[in-house]
């Protein structure tokens, strides 16, 4: 599950139990990435707030399936299989087009977004994410201009930036603590975008 001690749902008390109840899925299932925070519940609360607002908020304008695509892409670049599998399952559910989802996954596995069945502007976002993930100081103003020229407004560019940055954090949480998918239910997410305080996974 993880290389450090975690407190299972059944043993949780107080603030931790309340947080688990907010993030749990079917049969009281709590994703291992969230349980890895169990010794410091305040960090779980911060993590979930960031995750919910960056990926699952009604104020976002970039389609959720593409934000998930960026998450899978960044996680693959960071060799984080945990997040790749979780978020690819979410991507497939949101896209509801298995051939397209599988073609996107194949292009990600090949590290070649040009092969993906994506628009030119979506591919531009994928290329921006490569640089921000692997060489953050290499991001240039020209790259932002290219995102604008491809059709993204500045708010959407911010969304792309924040999703890419969030997954750098999530990947390092998982990889740095040895989280596995053992016992997790893949593809669940806090789907109620209208309510930022609803963190339940369905």
Protein backbone atom coordinates (compact mmCIF):
# COMPACT_ATOMS: atom_id res chain seq x y z
CA UNK A 1 0.00 0.00 0.00
CA UNK A 2 2.80 2.44 1.00
CA UNK A 3 6.28 2.35 2.50
CA UNK A 4 5.21 4.31 5.57
CA UNK A 5 2.57 3.52 8.16
CA UNK A 6 -1.00 4.29 7.09
CA UNK A 7 -4.15 4.23 9.16
CA UNK A 8 -6.91 2.17 7.52
CA UNK A 9 -10.47 3.44 7.36
CA UNK A 10 -11.63 1.03 10.06
CA UNK A 11 -9.08 2.36 12.56
CA UNK A 12 -9.49 6.06 11.79
CA UNK A 13 -10.77 8.45 14.46
CA UNK A 14 -11.49 12.12 14.91
CA UNK A 15 -10.42 14.49 12.13
CA UNK A 16 -8.95 11.68 10.03
CA UNK A 17 -12.22 9.73 10.09
CA UNK A 18 -14.14 12.84 9.04
CA UNK A 19 -11.77 13.39 6.12
CA UNK A 20 -11.93 9.74 5.10
CA UNK A 21 -15.72 10.00 5.09
CA UNK A 22 -15.46 13.00 2.76
CA UNK A 23 -13.16 11.29 0.24
CA UNK A 24 -14.30 7.67 0.38
CA UNK A 25 -15.81 5.72 -2.47
CA UNK A 26 -17.98 2.58 -2.48
CA UNK A 27 -17.64 0.22 0.52
CA UNK A 28 -15.67 2.85 2.45
CA UNK A 29 -12.80 2.58 -0.03
CA UNK A 30 -10.17 5.32 0.34
CA UNK A 31 -7.53 5.65 -2.38
CA UNK A 32 -4.02 4.80 -1.21
CA UNK A 33 -2.73 8.21 -2.26
CA UNK A 34 -5.10 9.76 0.29
CA UNK A 35 -4.35 7.16 2.97
CA UNK A 36 -0.66 7.96 2.60
CA UNK A 37 -1.47 11.28 4.32
CA UNK A 38 -3.14 9.60 7.30
CA UNK A 39 -0.43 10.44 9.84
CA UNK A 40 -0.85 14.14 8.97
CA UNK A 41 -4.54 14.63 8.07
CA UNK A 42 -4.05 18.36 7.43
CA UNK A 43 -1.90 17.51 4.40
CA UNK A 44 -4.67 15.25 3.07
CA UNK A 45 -7.09 18.14 3.40
CA UNK A 46 -4.75 20.41 1.46
CA UNK A 47 -4.15 17.77 -1.20
CA UNK A 48 -7.85 17.12 -1.74
CA UNK A 49 -8.72 20.81 -1.92
CA UNK A 50 -6.05 21.35 -4.58
CA UNK A 51 -7.10 18.23 -6.53
CA UNK A 52 -10.79 19.15 -6.44
CA UNK A 53 -10.28 22.76 -7.50
CA UNK A 54 -7.74 22.01 -10.23
CA UNK A 55 -9.53 19.08 -11.89
CA UNK A 56 -13.12 19.02 -10.69
CA UNK A 57 -14.46 22.54 -10.36
CA UNK A 58 -17.31 24.17 -12.23
CA UNK A 59 -15.16 27.25 -12.84
CA UNK A 60 -12.86 25.32 -15.19
CA UNK A 61 -13.47 25.79 -18.92
CA UNK A 62 -11.08 23.21 -20.40
CA UNK A 63 -13.02 19.93 -20.82
CA UNK A 64 -12.50 17.62 -17.87
CA UNK A 65 -11.54 14.69 -20.09
CA UNK A 66 -8.65 16.74 -21.50
CA UNK A 67 -7.50 17.82 -18.06
CA UNK A 68 -7.41 14.11 -17.20
CA UNK A 69 -5.46 13.48 -20.41
CA UNK A 70 -2.88 16.00 -19.28
CA UNK A 71 -2.76 14.23 -15.92
CA UNK A 72 -2.11 10.87 -17.55
CA UNK A 73 0.53 12.45 -19.79
CA UNK A 74 2.41 14.16 -16.95
CA UNK A 75 2.20 11.01 -14.82
CA UNK A 76 3.63 8.95 -17.66
CA UNK A 77 6.46 11.44 -18.13
CA UNK A 78 7.21 11.03 -14.41
CA UNK A 79 6.93 7.21 -14.66
CA UNK A 80 4.13 7.23 -12.07
CA UNK A 81 2.13 4.12 -12.95
CA UNK A 82 -0.23 4.67 -10.01
CA UNK A 83 -1.53 7.99 -11.36
CA UNK A 84 -1.44 6.80 -14.97
CA UNK A 85 -3.75 3.88 -14.21
CA UNK A 86 -6.09 5.84 -11.95
CA UNK A 87 -6.49 8.78 -14.28
CA UNK A 88 -6.60 6.80 -17.50
CA UNK A 89 -9.58 4.92 -16.05
CA UNK A 90 -11.15 8.29 -15.26
CA UNK A 91 -10.31 9.58 -18.74
CA UNK A 92 -12.04 6.58 -20.37
CA UNK A 93 -15.14 7.09 -18.26
CA UNK A 94 -15.34 10.81 -19.01
CA UNK A 95 -14.57 10.48 -22.72
CA UNK A 96 -16.99 7.57 -23.22
CA UNK A 97 -15.16 6.69 -26.43
CA UNK A 98 -12.87 3.71 -25.84
CA UNK A 99 -11.17 3.71 -29.26
CA UNK A 100 -10.20 7.37 -28.85
CA UNK A 101 -9.12 6.86 -25.23
CA UNK A 102 -7.02 3.85 -26.19
CA UNK A 103 -5.40 5.77 -29.04
CA UNK A 104 -4.55 8.61 -26.65
CA UNK A 105 -3.06 6.08 -24.23
CA UNK A 106 -1.00 4.49 -27.01
CA UNK A 107 0.43 7.88 -27.97
CA UNK A 108 1.24 8.62 -24.33
CA UNK A 109 2.95 5.25 -23.91
CA UNK A 110 4.96 6.01 -27.07
CA UNK A 111 5.82 9.49 -25.69
CA UNK A 112 4.50 10.95 -28.95
CA UNK A 113 1.45 13.20 -28.54
CA UNK A 114 1.51 13.94 -32.28
CA UNK A 115 0.11 10.42 -32.77
CA UNK A 116 -2.89 11.14 -30.54
CA UNK A 117 -6.37 11.83 -31.92
CA UNK A 118 -6.25 15.35 -30.49
CA UNK A 119 -6.66 18.80 -32.00
CA UNK A 120 -3.62 20.91 -32.78
CA UNK A 121 -4.36 23.15 -29.81
CA UNK A 122 -4.59 20.14 -27.47
CA UNK A 123 -1.25 18.88 -28.79
CA UNK A 124 0.24 22.32 -28.11
CA UNK A 125 -0.90 21.98 -24.49
CA UNK A 126 0.64 18.52 -24.29
CA UNK A 127 3.97 19.90 -25.53
CA UNK A 128 3.86 22.73 -22.98
CA UNK A 129 3.32 20.11 -20.27
CA UNK A 130 6.44 18.24 -21.39
CA UNK A 131 8.63 21.26 -20.76
CA UNK A 132 6.94 22.29 -17.52
CA UNK A 133 7.31 18.73 -16.21
CA UNK A 134 10.87 17.99 -17.26
CA UNK A 135 12.51 21.42 -17.48
CA UNK A 136 10.40 24.02 -15.63
CA UNK A 137 12.93 26.81 -16.07
CA UNK A 138 12.88 26.09 -19.80
CA UNK A 139 9.31 27.37 -20.18
CA UNK A 140 9.35 30.60 -22.21
CA UNK A 141 6.90 33.38 -22.89
CA UNK A 142 6.87 32.19 -26.49
CA UNK A 143 5.28 28.93 -25.32
CA UNK A 144 2.46 30.90 -23.71
CA UNK A 145 2.05 32.85 -26.95
CA UNK A 146 1.79 29.55 -28.81
CA UNK A 147 -0.96 28.38 -26.46
CA UNK A 148 -2.82 31.64 -27.06
CA UNK A 149 -2.34 31.36 -30.83
CA UNK A 150 -3.74 27.82 -30.72
CA UNK A 151 -6.99 29.11 -29.22
CA UNK A 152 -6.62 28.95 -25.44
CA UNK A 153 -7.42 32.08 -23.47
CA UNK A 154 -5.30 33.03 -20.48
CA UNK A 155 -7.68 31.44 -17.95
CA UNK A 156 -7.50 28.16 -19.84
CA UNK A 157 -3.71 28.44 -19.97
CA UNK A 158 -3.77 28.79 -16.19
CA UNK A 159 -5.87 25.60 -15.95
CA UNK A 160 -3.35 23.72 -18.10
CA UNK A 161 -0.50 25.05 -15.95
CA UNK A 162 -2.22 24.09 -12.71
CA UNK A 163 -3.13 20.56 -13.79
CA UNK A 164 0.45 19.98 -14.96
CA UNK A 165 1.83 21.37 -11.70
CA UNK A 166 -0.66 19.40 -9.57
CA UNK A 167 0.36 16.11 -11.12
CA UNK A 168 4.04 16.87 -10.46
CA UNK A 169 3.03 17.08 -6.78
CA UNK A 170 0.78 14.01 -6.84
CA UNK A 171 3.35 11.89 -8.69
CA UNK A 172 6.05 12.77 -6.19
CA UNK A 173 3.73 11.99 -3.31
CA UNK A 174 3.05 8.52 -4.75
CA UNK A 175 6.57 7.71 -5.93
CA UNK A 176 8.24 9.11 -2.83
CA UNK A 177 6.09 7.03 -0.46
CA UNK A 178 5.77 3.84 -2.52
CA UNK A 179 1.99 3.94 -3.00
CA UNK A 180 0.53 1.02 -4.92
CA UNK A 181 -2.92 0.53 -6.43
CA UNK A 182 -3.53 -2.54 -4.22
CA UNK A 183 -7.08 -2.30 -2.90
CA UNK A 184 -7.91 0.86 -4.87
CA UNK A 185 -10.90 1.18 -7.18
CA UNK A 186 -9.49 2.71 -10.36
CA UNK A 187 -11.17 5.64 -12.06
CA UNK A 188 -13.21 7.08 -9.20
CA UNK A 189 -13.20 10.85 -8.82
CA UNK A 190 -15.08 13.63 -7.00
CA UNK A 191 -17.49 14.10 -9.87
CA UNK A 192 -19.75 16.78 -8.41
CA UNK A 193 -18.09 19.80 -9.98
CA UNK A 194 -20.91 22.08 -8.89
CA UNK A 195 -20.06 21.68 -5.21
CA UNK A 196 -16.38 22.31 -4.37
CA UNK A 197 -16.92 20.89 -0.88
CA UNK A 198 -18.18 17.52 -2.16
CA UNK A 199 -15.07 15.33 -2.22
CA UNK A 200 -16.82 11.94 -2.36
CA UNK A 201 -15.46 9.55 -4.98
CA UNK A 202 -18.02 7.87 -7.24
